Structures are given as structure tokens and as C-alpha cells.
Amino acid sequence: MKSFTIKDLFKIIPFEVDERNELLAEYDSYSDALKFEMQRICWSAYRELVDQQTELKYQKLMMEVESGTRPLVADLMDEARLEVQQDMEDVVSGKREEVQQMEDIRTKLQQLIQESKKVVK
């Protein structure tokens, strides 16, 4: 499990893009008192985000159990928490952006294929 820095938290917490870029660029120039307060707030927001995402992931896993596509195991909540942690690591590494970009391209290609089929008929 990766340990995150404050700058990693800026990437994980859902800030507006301009705000995130400003925080990443300017953080090192802030006073120690401001850095401390920002760290306190960001870690609190991160924990809340992880808790919310873990609960959502757990509910999704439970739906899979109910539908019979996943076996019920005792550590399902731990599994959900690990998946959320991996998601957060993917955000920090930029992997999630790459995956999203590939999915966007795939969707556009599928739309083009569907449109070309309509034109041919």
C-alpha cells in the first residue's frame, strides 16, 4: 500500500482543475502554518472520501454476491477498502486518466461504427 503525500491528496480530492494546479504549483511557497492547516483539512477530506468510496464499493460487491456472480467472503469490506486504495493509487499515478482516455476513444469509435452502419443501409 502506497503512502500518499499532501500533493498526492491534491490529485485525489475532487478539486476543480485550476484549483488543483494552483495548489500543486504554489504549495511549497506557503507558510508552515498554512501548510499545516491544509494538511489537516486534506487528510480529513481524504479519510471521508475513502470511507464513502469504500461503502459504495462494498455495496457494489454485495450486489454481486446477491446476484450470484461473487461468493460471499468474511473480508468483503477489506476487499472493498483495498480496491478503493488501488483506485486512489491509480489516480495519483495517472493510470486512471489513461484508462478513461482509452475508454473515451473506444466509445467514439463505437459511435462511428454505428453511424457508418446506418449510412450503409
PDB file of N, CA and C in Angstrom:
ATOM      1  N   MET A   1       0.849  -1.168   0.000  1.00  0.00           N
ATOM      2  CA  MET A   1       0.000   0.000   0.000  1.00  0.00           C
ATOM      3  C   MET A   1       0.897   1.233   0.000  1.00  0.00           C
ATOM      4  N   LYS A   2       0.608   2.164  -0.881  1.00  0.00           N
ATOM      5  CA  LYS A   2       1.398   3.372  -1.046  1.00  0.00           C
ATOM      6  C   LYS A   2       1.037   4.404   0.012  1.00  0.00           C
ATOM      7  N   SER A   3       2.049   5.107   0.507  1.00  0.00           N
ATOM      8  CA  SER A   3       1.805   6.243   1.400  1.00  0.00           C
ATOM      9  C   SER A   3       1.693   7.486   0.533  1.00  0.00           C
ATOM     10  N   PHE A   4       0.691   8.284   0.800  1.00  0.00           N
ATOM     11  CA  PHE A   4       0.464   9.472  -0.004  1.00  0.00           C
ATOM     12  C   PHE A   4       1.082  10.709   0.635  1.00  0.00           C
ATOM     13  N   THR A   5       1.485  11.648  -0.215  1.00  0.00           N
ATOM     14  CA  THR A   5       1.955  12.952   0.232  1.00  0.00           C
ATOM     15  C   THR A   5       0.797  13.941   0.108  1.00  0.00           C
ATOM     16  N   ILE A   6       0.998  15.126   0.614  1.00  0.00           N
ATOM     17  CA  ILE A   6      -0.047  16.159   0.513  1.00  0.00           C
ATOM     18  C   ILE A   6      -0.333  16.464  -0.956  1.00  0.00           C
ATOM     19  N   LYS A   7       0.683  16.454  -1.781  1.00  0.00           N
ATOM     20  CA  LYS A   7       0.467  16.731  -3.205  1.00  0.00           C
ATOM     21  C   LYS A   7      -0.311  15.601  -3.883  1.00  0.00           C
ATOM     22  N   ASP A   8      -0.127  14.379  -3.400  1.00  0.00           N
ATOM     23  CA  ASP A   8      -0.946  13.274  -3.896  1.00  0.00           C
ATOM     24  C   ASP A   8      -2.413  13.507  -3.533  1.00  0.00           C
ATOM     25  N   LEU A   9      -2.630  13.992  -2.315  1.00  0.00           N
ATOM     26  CA  LEU A   9      -4.008  14.260  -1.880  1.00  0.00           C
ATOM     27  C   LEU A   9      -4.659  15.316  -2.759  1.00  0.00           C
ATOM     28  N   PHE A  10      -3.883  16.296  -3.203  1.00  0.00           N
ATOM     29  CA  PHE A  10      -4.436  17.313  -4.105  1.00  0.00           C
ATOM     30  C   PHE A  10      -4.960  16.670  -5.389  1.00  0.00           C
ATOM     31  N   LYS A  11      -4.313  15.586  -5.828  1.00  0.00           N
ATOM     32  CA  LYS A  11      -4.742  14.888  -7.040  1.00  0.00           C
ATOM     33  C   LYS A  11      -5.958  14.002  -6.778  1.00  0.00           C
ATOM     34  N   ILE A  12      -6.055  13.463  -5.572  1.00  0.00           N
ATOM     35  CA  ILE A  12      -7.133  12.537  -5.237  1.00  0.00           C
ATOM     36  C   ILE A  12      -8.429  13.253  -4.892  1.00  0.00           C
ATOM     37  N   ILE A  13      -8.328  14.283  -4.069  1.00  0.00           N
ATOM     38  CA  ILE A  13      -9.522  15.015  -3.622  1.00  0.00           C
ATOM     39  C   ILE A  13     -10.097  15.756  -4.827  1.00  0.00           C
ATOM     40  N   PRO A  14     -11.412  15.695  -5.011  1.00  0.00           N
ATOM     41  CA  PRO A  14     -12.008  16.299  -6.214  1.00  0.00           C
ATOM     42  C   PRO A  14     -12.047  17.827  -6.179  1.00  0.00           C
ATOM     43  N   PHE A  15     -10.902  18.446  -6.488  1.00  0.00           N
ATOM     44  CA  PHE A  15     -10.814  19.894  -6.651  1.00  0.00           C
ATOM     45  C   PHE A  15     -11.134  20.255  -8.097  1.00  0.00           C
ATOM     46  N   GLU A  16     -11.477  21.498  -8.324  1.00  0.00           N
ATOM     47  CA  GLU A  16     -11.555  21.995  -9.688  1.00  0.00           C
ATOM     48  C   GLU A  16     -10.141  21.937 -10.271  1.00  0.00           C
ATOM     49  N   VAL A  17     -10.020  21.756 -11.558  1.00  0.00           N
ATOM     50  CA  VAL A  17      -8.711  21.581 -12.201  1.00  0.00           C
ATOM     51  C   VAL A  17      -7.799  22.769 -11.931  1.00  0.00           C
ATOM     52  N   ASP A  18      -8.320  23.986 -12.060  1.00  0.00           N
ATOM     53  CA  ASP A  18      -7.496  25.178 -11.829  1.00  0.00           C
ATOM     54  C   ASP A  18      -7.025  25.257 -10.381  1.00  0.00           C
ATOM     55  N   GLU A  19      -7.914  24.926  -9.445  1.00  0.00           N
ATOM     56  CA  GLU A  19      -7.537  24.944  -8.027  1.00  0.00           C
ATOM     57  C   GLU A  19      -6.447  23.908  -7.757  1.00  0.00           C
ATOM     58  N   ARG A  20      -6.620  22.716  -8.318  1.00  0.00           N
ATOM     59  CA  ARG A  20      -5.637  21.652  -8.121  1.00  0.00           C
ATOM     60  C   ARG A  20      -4.276  22.078  -8.658  1.00  0.00           C
ATOM     61  N   ASN A  21      -4.263  22.621  -9.855  1.00  0.00           N
ATOM     62  CA  ASN A  21      -3.000  23.044 -10.462  1.00  0.00           C
ATOM     63  C   ASN A  21      -2.330  24.141  -9.645  1.00  0.00           C
ATOM     64  N   GLU A  22      -3.129  25.067  -9.118  1.00  0.00           N
ATOM     65  CA  GLU A  22      -2.582  26.142  -8.282  1.00  0.00           C
ATOM     66  C   GLU A  22      -1.988  25.570  -6.997  1.00  0.00           C
ATOM     67  N   LEU A  23      -2.715  24.662  -6.352  1.00  0.00           N
ATOM     68  CA  LEU A  23      -2.206  24.051  -5.123  1.00  0.00           C
ATOM     69  C   LEU A  23      -0.897  23.310  -5.383  1.00  0.00           C
ATOM     70  N   LEU A  24      -0.848  22.547  -6.463  1.00  0.00           N
ATOM     71  CA  LEU A  24       0.367  21.807  -6.785  1.00  0.00           C
ATOM     72  C   LEU A  24       1.544  22.739  -7.066  1.00  0.00           C
ATOM     73  N   ALA A  25       1.271  23.846  -7.734  1.00  0.00           N
ATOM     74  CA  ALA A  25       2.340  24.775  -8.110  1.00  0.00           C
ATOM     75  C   ALA A  25       2.783  25.651  -6.946  1.00  0.00           C
ATOM     76  N   GLU A  26       1.852  26.058  -6.095  1.00  0.00           N
ATOM     77  CA  GLU A  26       2.151  27.063  -5.081  1.00  0.00           C
ATOM     78  C   GLU A  26       2.382  26.509  -3.675  1.00  0.00           C
ATOM     79  N   TYR A  27       2.055  25.262  -3.427  1.00  0.00           N
ATOM     80  CA  TYR A  27       2.072  24.717  -2.066  1.00  0.00           C
ATOM     81  C   TYR A  27       3.409  24.934  -1.350  1.00  0.00           C
ATOM     82  N   ASP A  28       4.511  24.691  -2.025  1.00  0.00           N
ATOM     83  CA  ASP A  28       5.824  24.807  -1.388  1.00  0.00           C
ATOM     84  C   ASP A  28       6.133  26.221  -0.915  1.00  0.00           C
ATOM     85  N   SER A  29       5.477  27.215  -1.483  1.00  0.00           N
ATOM     86  CA  SER A  29       5.752  28.602  -1.087  1.00  0.00           C
ATOM     87  C   SER A  29       4.868  29.072   0.079  1.00  0.00           C
ATOM     88  N   TYR A  30       3.931  28.262   0.518  1.00  0.00           N
ATOM     89  CA  TYR A  30       3.034  28.643   1.615  1.00  0.00           C
ATOM     90  C   TYR A  30       3.776  28.611   2.948  1.00  0.00           C
ATOM     91  N   SER A  31       3.278  29.376   3.910  1.00  0.00           N
ATOM     92  CA  SER A  31       3.862  29.390   5.249  1.00  0.00           C
ATOM     93  C   SER A  31       3.646  28.033   5.912  1.00  0.00           C
ATOM     94  N   ASP A  32       4.455  27.736   6.908  1.00  0.00           N
ATOM     95  CA  ASP A  32       4.322  26.463   7.614  1.00  0.00           C
ATOM     96  C   ASP A  32       2.951  26.325   8.262  1.00  0.00           C
ATOM     97  N   ALA A  33       2.440  27.418   8.794  1.00  0.00           N
ATOM     98  CA  ALA A  33       1.120  27.379   9.442  1.00  0.00           C
ATOM     99  C   ALA A  33       0.034  27.046   8.427  1.00  0.00           C
ATOM    100  N   LEU A  34       0.112  27.647   7.249  1.00  0.00           N
ATOM    101  CA  LEU A  34      -0.877  27.372   6.206  1.00  0.00           C
ATOM    102  C   LEU A  34      -0.739  25.928   5.703  1.00  0.00           C
ATOM    103  N   LYS A  35       0.502  25.476   5.537  1.00  0.00           N
ATOM    104  CA  LYS A  35       0.722  24.087   5.114  1.00  0.00           C
ATOM    105  C   LYS A  35       0.122  23.116   6.131  1.00  0.00           C
ATOM    106  N   PHE A  36       0.346  23.387   7.407  1.00  0.00           N
ATOM    107  CA  PHE A  36      -0.177  22.519   8.456  1.00  0.00           C
ATOM    108  C   PHE A  36      -1.699  22.453   8.389  1.00  0.00           C
ATOM    109  N   GLU A  37      -2.338  23.598   8.260  1.00  0.00           N
ATOM    110  CA  GLU A  37      -3.799  23.645   8.205  1.00  0.00           C
ATOM    111  C   GLU A  37      -4.324  22.947   6.946  1.00  0.00           C
ATOM    112  N   MET A  38      -3.647  23.152   5.830  1.00  0.00           N
ATOM    113  CA  MET A  38      -4.057  22.483   4.593  1.00  0.00           C
ATOM    114  C   MET A  38      -3.915  20.973   4.716  1.00  0.00           C
ATOM    115  N   GLN A  39      -2.846  20.521   5.342  1.00  0.00           N
ATOM    116  CA  GLN A  39      -2.652  19.090   5.543  1.00  0.00           C
ATOM    117  C   GLN A  39      -3.758  18.514   6.415  1.00  0.00           C
ATOM    118  N   ARG A  40      -4.086  19.212   7.480  1.00  0.00           N
ATOM    119  CA  ARG A  40      -5.136  18.747   8.388  1.00  0.00           C
ATOM    120  C   ARG A  40      -6.468  18.608   7.649  1.00  0.00           C
ATOM    121  N   ILE A  41      -6.808  19.623   6.883  1.00  0.00           N
ATOM    122  CA  ILE A  41      -8.076  19.624   6.137  1.00  0.00           C
ATOM    123  C   ILE A  41      -8.067  18.547   5.046  1.00  0.00           C
ATOM    124  N   CYS A  42      -6.979  18.450   4.306  1.00  0.00           N
ATOM    125  CA  CYS A  42      -6.911  17.488   3.201  1.00  0.00           C
ATOM    126  C   CYS A  42      -6.925  16.046   3.702  1.00  0.00           C
ATOM    127  N   TRP A  43      -6.225  15.762   4.793  1.00  0.00           N
ATOM    128  CA  TRP A  43      -6.259  14.394   5.323  1.00  0.00           C
ATOM    129  C   TRP A  43      -7.649  14.037   5.819  1.00  0.00           C
ATOM    130  N   SER A  44      -8.318  14.998   6.419  1.00  0.00           N
ATOM    131  CA  SER A  44      -9.692  14.759   6.869  1.00  0.00           C
ATOM    132  C   SER A  44     -10.600  14.477   5.670  1.00  0.00           C
ATOM    133  N   ALA A  45     -10.469  15.291   4.624  1.00  0.00           N
ATOM    134  CA  ALA A  45     -11.271  15.102   3.412  1.00  0.00           C
ATOM    135  C   ALA A  45     -10.940  13.761   2.758  1.00  0.00           C
ATOM    136  N   TYR A  46      -9.673  13.392   2.751  1.00  0.00           N
ATOM    137  CA  TYR A  46      -9.262  12.113   2.170  1.00  0.00           C
ATOM    138  C   TYR A  46      -9.900  10.945   2.912  1.00  0.00           C
ATOM    139  N   ARG A  47      -9.838  10.979   4.251  1.00  0.00           N
ATOM    140  CA  ARG A  47     -10.437   9.889   5.038  1.00  0.00           C
ATOM    141  C   ARG A  47     -11.934   9.778   4.775  1.00  0.00           C
ATOM    142  N   GLU A  48     -12.601  10.925   4.698  1.00  0.00           N
ATOM    143  CA  GLU A  48     -14.036  10.922   4.413  1.00  0.00           C
ATOM    144  C   GLU A  48     -14.311  10.350   3.016  1.00  0.00           C
ATOM    145  N   LEU A  49     -13.514  10.740   2.045  1.00  0.00           N
ATOM    146  CA  LEU A  49     -13.656  10.238   0.683  1.00  0.00           C
ATOM    147  C   LEU A  49     -13.433   8.732   0.630  1.00  0.00           C
ATOM    148  N   VAL A  50     -12.403   8.253   1.305  1.00  0.00           N
ATOM    149  CA  VAL A  50     -12.120   6.815   1.332  1.00  0.00           C
ATOM    150  C   VAL A  50     -13.287   6.066   1.978  1.00  0.00           C
ATOM    151  N   ASP A  51     -13.794   6.587   3.084  1.00  0.00           N
ATOM    152  CA  ASP A  51     -14.926   5.934   3.751  1.00  0.00           C
ATOM    153  C   ASP A  51     -16.139   5.858   2.832  1.00  0.00           C
ATOM    154  N   GLN A  52     -16.444   6.956   2.149  1.00  0.00           N
ATOM    155  CA  GLN A  52     -17.590   6.975   1.230  1.00  0.00           C
ATOM    156  C   GLN A  52     -17.385   6.017   0.066  1.00  0.00           C
ATOM    157  N   GLN A  53     -16.215   6.050  -0.533  1.00  0.00           N
ATOM    158  CA  GLN A  53     -15.925   5.186  -1.676  1.00  0.00           C
ATOM    159  C   GLN A  53     -15.920   3.712  -1.266  1.00  0.00           C
ATOM    160  N   THR A  54     -15.406   3.437  -0.058  1.00  0.00           N
ATOM    161  CA  THR A  54     -15.386   2.060   0.437  1.00  0.00           C
ATOM    162  C   THR A  54     -16.807   1.542   0.635  1.00  0.00           C
ATOM    163  N   GLU A  55     -17.666   2.373   1.187  1.00  0.00           N
ATOM    164  CA  GLU A  55     -19.059   1.962   1.401  1.00  0.00           C
ATOM    165  C   GLU A  55     -19.744   1.694   0.058  1.00  0.00           C
ATOM    166  N   LEU A  56     -19.513   2.566  -0.927  1.00  0.00           N
ATOM    167  CA  LEU A  56     -20.095   2.358  -2.258  1.00  0.00           C
ATOM    168  C   LEU A  56     -19.560   1.075  -2.900  1.00  0.00           C
ATOM    169  N   LYS A  57     -18.262   0.855  -2.793  1.00  0.00           N
ATOM    170  CA  LYS A  57     -17.649  -0.349  -3.359  1.00  0.00           C
ATOM    171  C   LYS A  57     -18.186  -1.593  -2.646  1.00  0.00           C
ATOM    172  N   TYR A  58     -18.357  -1.514  -1.328  1.00  0.00           N
ATOM    173  CA  TYR A  58     -18.895  -2.635  -0.555  1.00  0.00           C
ATOM    174  C   TYR A  58     -20.320  -2.958  -1.009  1.00  0.00           C
ATOM    175  N   GLN A  59     -21.132  -1.920  -1.200  1.00  0.00           N
ATOM    176  CA  GLN A  59     -22.499  -2.137  -1.672  1.00  0.00           C
ATOM    177  C   GLN A  59     -22.501  -2.796  -3.047  1.00  0.00           C
ATOM    178  N   LYS A  60     -21.594  -2.376  -3.916  1.00  0.00           N
ATOM    179  CA  LYS A  60     -21.479  -2.980  -5.255  1.00  0.00           C
ATOM    180  C   LYS A  60     -21.098  -4.451  -5.134  1.00  0.00           C
ATOM    181  N   LEU A  61     -20.133  -4.751  -4.276  1.00  0.00           N
ATOM    182  CA  LEU A  61     -19.715  -6.143  -4.083  1.00  0.00           C
ATOM    183  C   LEU A  61     -20.860  -6.978  -3.512  1.00  0.00           C
ATOM    184  N   MET A  62     -21.629  -6.406  -2.589  1.00  0.00           N
ATOM    185  CA  MET A  62     -22.767  -7.126  -2.017  1.00  0.00           C
ATOM    186  C   MET A  62     -23.832  -7.397  -3.076  1.00  0.00           C
ATOM    187  N   MET A  63     -24.016  -6.465  -3.999  1.00  0.00           N
ATOM    188  CA  MET A  63     -24.968  -6.690  -5.090  1.00  0.00           C
ATOM    189  C   MET A  63     -24.492  -7.857  -5.961  1.00  0.00           C
ATOM    190  N   GLU A  64     -23.186  -7.958  -6.156  1.00  0.00           N
ATOM    191  CA  GLU A  64     -22.636  -9.074  -6.926  1.00  0.00           C
ATOM    192  C   GLU A  64     -22.855 -10.388  -6.183  1.00  0.00           C
ATOM    193  N   VAL A  65     -22.729 -10.359  -4.852  1.00  0.00           N
ATOM    194  CA  VAL A  65     -22.986 -11.557  -4.049  1.00  0.00           C
ATOM    195  C   VAL A  65     -24.448 -11.955  -4.188  1.00  0.00           C
ATOM    196  N   GLU A  66     -25.345 -10.965  -4.077  1.00  0.00           N
ATOM    197  CA  GLU A  66     -26.773 -11.242  -4.181  1.00  0.00           C
ATOM    198  C   GLU A  66     -27.160 -11.808  -5.544  1.00  0.00           C
ATOM    199  N   SER A  67     -26.474 -11.333  -6.588  1.00  0.00           N
ATOM    200  CA  SER A  67     -26.796 -11.822  -7.939  1.00  0.00           C
ATOM    201  C   SER A  67     -26.119 -13.160  -8.240  1.00  0.00           C
ATOM    202  N   GLY A  68     -25.242 -13.608  -7.343  1.00  0.00           N
ATOM    203  CA  GLY A  68     -24.587 -14.898  -7.530  1.00  0.00           C
ATOM    204  C   GLY A  68     -23.316 -14.849  -8.356  1.00  0.00           C
ATOM    205  N   THR A  69     -22.841 -13.658  -8.706  1.00  0.00           N
ATOM    206  CA  THR A  69     -21.624 -13.553  -9.519  1.00  0.00           C
ATOM    207  C   THR A  69     -20.360 -13.468  -8.673  1.00  0.00           C
ATOM    208  N   ARG A  70     -20.521 -13.400  -7.362  1.00  0.00           N
ATOM    209  CA  ARG A  70     -19.372 -13.312  -6.456  1.00  0.00           C
ATOM    210  C   ARG A  70     -19.700 -14.115  -5.202  1.00  0.00           C
ATOM    211  N   PRO A  71     -18.732 -14.879  -4.705  1.00  0.00           N
ATOM    212  CA  PRO A  71     -19.000 -15.619  -3.469  1.00  0.00           C
ATOM    213  C   PRO A  71     -18.959 -14.679  -2.255  1.00  0.00           C
ATOM    214  N   LEU A  72     -19.725 -14.997  -1.246  1.00  0.00           N
ATOM    215  CA  LEU A  72     -19.715 -14.228  -0.005  1.00  0.00           C
ATOM    216  C   LEU A  72     -18.513 -14.665   0.819  1.00  0.00           C
ATOM    217  N   VAL A  73     -17.678 -13.709   1.158  1.00  0.00           N
ATOM    218  CA  VAL A  73     -16.500 -13.984   1.980  1.00  0.00           C
ATOM    219  C   VAL A  73     -16.527 -13.082   3.203  1.00  0.00           C
ATOM    220  N   ALA A  74     -15.830 -13.497   4.253  1.00  0.00           N
ATOM    221  CA  ALA A  74     -15.853 -12.761   5.524  1.00  0.00           C
ATOM    222  C   ALA A  74     -15.184 -11.396   5.424  1.00  0.00           C
ATOM    223  N   ASP A  75     -14.232 -11.247   4.523  1.00  0.00           N
ATOM    224  CA  ASP A  75     -13.470  -9.998   4.451  1.00  0.00           C
ATOM    225  C   ASP A  75     -13.875  -9.118   3.264  1.00  0.00           C
ATOM    226  N   LEU A  76     -15.144  -9.099   2.961  1.00  0.00           N
ATOM    227  CA  LEU A  76     -15.632  -8.326   1.812  1.00  0.00           C
ATOM    228  C   LEU A  76     -15.369  -6.825   1.984  1.00  0.00           C
ATOM    229  N   MET A  77     -15.521  -6.322   3.212  1.00  0.00           N
ATOM    230  CA  MET A  77     -15.255  -4.900   3.466  1.00  0.00           C
ATOM    231  C   MET A  77     -13.769  -4.599   3.272  1.00  0.00           C
ATOM    232  N   ASP A  78     -12.895  -5.507   3.698  1.00  0.00           N
ATOM    233  CA  ASP A  78     -11.459  -5.316   3.475  1.00  0.00           C
ATOM    234  C   ASP A  78     -11.141  -5.304   1.980  1.00  0.00           C
ATOM    235  N   GLU A  79     -11.804  -6.183   1.240  1.00  0.00           N
ATOM    236  CA  GLU A  79     -11.623  -6.221  -0.209  1.00  0.00           C
ATOM    237  C   GLU A  79     -12.057  -4.890  -0.839  1.00  0.00           C
ATOM    238  N   ALA A  80     -13.177  -4.362  -0.371  1.00  0.00           N
ATOM    239  CA  ALA A  80     -13.659  -3.073  -0.881  1.00  0.00           C
ATOM    240  C   ALA A  80     -12.653  -1.970  -0.564  1.00  0.00           C
ATOM    241  N   ARG A  81     -12.127  -1.974   0.656  1.00  0.00           N
ATOM    242  CA  ARG A  81     -11.153  -0.955   1.059  1.00  0.00           C
ATOM    243  C   ARG A  81      -9.883  -1.046   0.220  1.00  0.00           C
ATOM    244  N   LEU A  82      -9.419  -2.265  -0.057  1.00  0.00           N
ATOM    245  CA  LEU A  82      -8.223  -2.441  -0.895  1.00  0.00           C
ATOM    246  C   LEU A  82      -8.462  -1.956  -2.323  1.00  0.00           C
ATOM    247  N   GLU A  83      -9.645  -2.218  -2.858  1.00  0.00           N
ATOM    248  CA  GLU A  83      -9.968  -1.741  -4.212  1.00  0.00           C
ATOM    249  C   GLU A  83      -9.986  -0.218  -4.256  1.00  0.00           C
ATOM    250  N   VAL A  84     -10.523   0.399  -3.212  1.00  0.00           N
ATOM    251  CA  VAL A  84     -10.544   1.868  -3.156  1.00  0.00           C
ATOM    252  C   VAL A  84      -9.116   2.403  -3.068  1.00  0.00           C
ATOM    253  N   GLN A  85      -8.283   1.760  -2.249  1.00  0.00           N
ATOM    254  CA  GLN A  85      -6.888   2.175  -2.137  1.00  0.00           C
ATOM    255  C   GLN A  85      -6.198   2.082  -3.493  1.00  0.00           C
ATOM    256  N   GLN A  86      -6.460   1.006  -4.237  1.00  0.00           N
ATOM    257  CA  GLN A  86      -5.865   0.850  -5.559  1.00  0.00           C
ATOM    258  C   GLN A  86      -6.374   1.935  -6.509  1.00  0.00           C
ATOM    259  N   ASP A  87      -7.661   2.257  -6.412  1.00  0.00           N
ATOM    260  CA  ASP A  87      -8.216   3.333  -7.231  1.00  0.00           C
ATOM    261  C   ASP A  87      -7.501   4.649  -6.945  1.00  0.00           C
ATOM    262  N   MET A  88      -7.252   4.924  -5.668  1.00  0.00           N
ATOM    263  CA  MET A  88      -6.570   6.166  -5.276  1.00  0.00           C
ATOM    264  C   MET A  88      -5.137   6.174  -5.822  1.00  0.00           C
ATOM    265  N   GLU A  89      -4.467   5.036  -5.742  1.00  0.00           N
ATOM    266  CA  GLU A  89      -3.105   4.946  -6.286  1.00  0.00           C
ATOM    267  C   GLU A  89      -3.107   5.161  -7.802  1.00  0.00           C
ATOM    268  N   ASP A  90      -4.138   4.648  -8.472  1.00  0.00           N
ATOM    269  CA  ASP A  90      -4.250   4.846  -9.920  1.00  0.00           C
ATOM    270  C   ASP A  90      -4.450   6.323 -10.264  1.00  0.00           C
ATOM    271  N   VAL A  91      -5.198   7.028  -9.443  1.00  0.00           N
ATOM    272  CA  VAL A  91      -5.400   8.468  -9.669  1.00  0.00           C
ATOM    273  C   VAL A  91      -4.062   9.189  -9.560  1.00  0.00           C
ATOM    274  N   VAL A  92      -3.308   8.883  -8.514  1.00  0.00           N
ATOM    275  CA  VAL A  92      -2.023   9.556  -8.282  1.00  0.00           C
ATOM    276  C   VAL A  92      -1.027   9.248  -9.396  1.00  0.00           C
ATOM    277  N   SER A  93      -1.004   7.998  -9.848  1.00  0.00           N
ATOM    278  CA  SER A  93      -0.037   7.605 -10.878  1.00  0.00           C
ATOM    279  C   SER A  93      -0.424   8.084 -12.275  1.00  0.00           C
ATOM    280  N   GLY A  94      -1.679   8.526 -12.434  1.00  0.00           N
ATOM    281  CA  GLY A  94      -2.147   8.955 -13.747  1.00  0.00           C
ATOM    282  C   GLY A  94      -2.748   7.817 -14.542  1.00  0.00           C
ATOM    283  N   LYS A  95      -2.711   6.612 -14.014  1.00  0.00           N
ATOM    284  CA  LYS A  95      -3.239   5.447 -14.728  1.00  0.00           C
ATOM    285  C   LYS A  95      -4.729   5.589 -14.993  1.00  0.00           C
ATOM    286  N   ARG A  96      -5.452   6.144 -14.030  1.00  0.00           N
ATOM    287  CA  ARG A  96      -6.901   6.293 -14.204  1.00  0.00           C
ATOM    288  C   ARG A  96      -7.209   7.214 -15.382  1.00  0.00           C
ATOM    289  N   GLU A  97      -6.442   8.285 -15.549  1.00  0.00           N
ATOM    290  CA  GLU A  97      -6.660   9.189 -16.686  1.00  0.00           C
ATOM    291  C   GLU A  97      -6.432   8.449 -18.001  1.00  0.00           C
ATOM    292  N   GLU A  98      -5.378   7.635 -18.044  1.00  0.00           N
ATOM    293  CA  GLU A  98      -5.083   6.884 -19.259  1.00  0.00           C
ATOM    294  C   GLU A  98      -6.223   5.931 -19.599  1.00  0.00           C
ATOM    295  N   VAL A  99      -6.722   5.241 -18.595  1.00  0.00           N
ATOM    296  CA  VAL A  99      -7.828   4.299 -18.810  1.00  0.00           C
ATOM    297  C   VAL A  99      -9.057   5.051 -19.294  1.00  0.00           C
ATOM    298  N   GLN A 100      -9.351   6.192 -18.676  1.00  0.00           N
ATOM    299  CA  GLN A 100     -10.512   6.981 -19.075  1.00  0.00           C
ATOM    300  C   GLN A 100     -10.367   7.472 -20.509  1.00  0.00           C
ATOM    301  N   GLN A 101      -9.178   7.912 -20.875  1.00  0.00           N
ATOM    302  CA  GLN A 101      -8.948   8.368 -22.242  1.00  0.00           C
ATOM    303  C   GLN A 101      -9.150   7.225 -23.234  1.00  0.00           C
ATOM    304  N   MET A 102      -8.666   6.039 -22.889  1.00  0.00           N
ATOM    305  CA  MET A 102      -8.846   4.887 -23.780  1.00  0.00           C
ATOM    306  C   MET A 102     -10.322   4.532 -23.895  1.00  0.00           C
ATOM    307  N   GLU A 103     -11.056   4.611 -22.805  1.00  0.00           N
ATOM    308  CA  GLU A 103     -12.489   4.312 -22.851  1.00  0.00           C
ATOM    309  C   GLU A 103     -13.233   5.355 -23.683  1.00  0.00           C
ATOM    310  N   ASP A 104     -12.828   6.615 -23.583  1.00  0.00           N
ATOM    311  CA  ASP A 104     -13.447   7.665 -24.393  1.00  0.00           C
ATOM    312  C   ASP A 104     -13.215   7.400 -25.881  1.00  0.00           C
ATOM    313  N   ILE A 105     -11.996   7.004 -26.223  1.00  0.00           N
ATOM    314  CA  ILE A 105     -11.671   6.698 -27.616  1.00  0.00           C
ATOM    315  C   ILE A 105     -12.487   5.502 -28.094  1.00  0.00           C
ATOM    316  N   ARG A 106     -12.577   4.473 -27.251  1.00  0.00           N
ATOM    317  CA  ARG A 106     -13.351   3.277 -27.598  1.00  0.00           C
ATOM    318  C   ARG A 106     -14.812   3.646 -27.852  1.00  0.00           C
ATOM    319  N   THR A 107     -15.375   4.478 -26.998  1.00  0.00           N
ATOM    320  CA  THR A 107     -16.773   4.908 -27.148  1.00  0.00           C
ATOM    321  C   THR A 107     -16.964   5.670 -28.459  1.00  0.00           C
ATOM    322  N   LYS A 108     -16.038   6.569 -28.767  1.00  0.00           N
ATOM    323  CA  LYS A 108     -16.139   7.343 -30.006  1.00  0.00           C
ATOM    324  C   LYS A 108     -16.044   6.429 -31.233  1.00  0.00           C
ATOM    325  N   LEU A 109     -15.142   5.447 -31.163  1.00  0.00           N
ATOM    326  CA  LEU A 109     -15.017   4.510 -32.284  1.00  0.00           C
ATOM    327  C   LEU A 109     -16.291   3.693 -32.458  1.00  0.00           C
ATOM    328  N   GLN A 110     -16.878   3.260 -31.349  1.00  0.00           N
ATOM    329  CA  GLN A 110     -18.128   2.504 -31.439  1.00  0.00           C
ATOM    330  C   GLN A 110     -19.241   3.357 -32.036  1.00  0.00           C
ATOM    331  N   GLN A 111     -19.286   4.627 -31.672  1.00  0.00           N
ATOM    332  CA  GLN A 111     -20.293   5.530 -32.235  1.00  0.00           C
ATOM    333  C   GLN A 111     -20.082   5.695 -33.741  1.00  0.00           C
ATOM    334  N   LEU A 112     -18.835   5.846 -34.155  1.00  0.00           N
ATOM    335  CA  LEU A 112     -18.539   5.994 -35.576  1.00  0.00           C
ATOM    336  C   LEU A 112     -18.934   4.741 -36.350  1.00  0.00           C
ATOM    337  N   ILE A 113     -18.662   3.585 -35.779  1.00  0.00           N
ATOM    338  CA  ILE A 113     -19.029   2.328 -36.436  1.00  0.00           C
ATOM    339  C   ILE A 113     -20.547   2.243 -36.582  1.00  0.00           C
ATOM    340  N   GLN A 114     -21.266   2.577 -35.532  1.00  0.00           N
ATOM    341  CA  GLN A 114     -22.726   2.531 -35.574  1.00  0.00           C
ATOM    342  C   GLN A 114     -23.267   3.511 -36.608  1.00  0.00           C
ATOM    343  N   GLU A 115     -22.702   4.711 -36.655  1.00  0.00           N
ATOM    344  CA  GLU A 115     -23.149   5.717 -37.622  1.00  0.00           C
ATOM    345  C   GLU A 115     -22.844   5.255 -39.048  1.00  0.00           C
ATOM    346  N   SER A 116     -21.698   4.628 -39.253  1.00  0.00           N
ATOM    347  CA  SER A 116     -21.356   4.181 -40.619  1.00  0.00           C
ATOM    348  C   SER A 116     -22.287   3.052 -41.052  1.00  0.00           C
ATOM    349  N   LYS A 117     -22.721   2.216 -40.127  1.00  0.00           N
ATOM    350  CA  LYS A 117     -23.670   1.151 -40.456  1.00  0.00           C
ATOM    351  C   LYS A 117     -25.003   1.746 -40.880  1.00  0.00           C
ATOM    352  N   LYS A 118     -25.403   2.839 -40.250  1.00  0.00           N
ATOM    353  CA  LYS A 118     -26.679   3.482 -40.598  1.00  0.00           C
ATOM    354  C   LYS A 118     -26.614   4.083 -42.001  1.00  0.00           C
ATOM    355  N   VAL A 119     -25.457   4.651 -42.352  1.00  0.00           N
ATOM    356  CA  VAL A 119     -25.281   5.279 -43.647  1.00  0.00           C
ATOM    357  C   VAL A 119     -25.292   4.220 -44.751  1.00  0.00           C
ATOM    358  N   VAL A 120     -24.667   3.064 -44.504  1.00  0.00           N
ATOM    359  CA  VAL A 120     -24.565   1.993 -45.489  1.00  0.00           C
ATOM    360  C   VAL A 120     -25.946   1.415 -45.789  1.00  0.00           C
ATOM    361  N   LYS A 121     -26.842   1.340 -44.820  1.00  0.00           N
ATOM    362  CA  LYS A 121     -28.175   0.776 -45.035  1.00  0.00           C
ATOM    363  C   LYS A 121     -28.973   1.687 -45.831  1.00  0.00           C
TER     364      LYS A 121
END
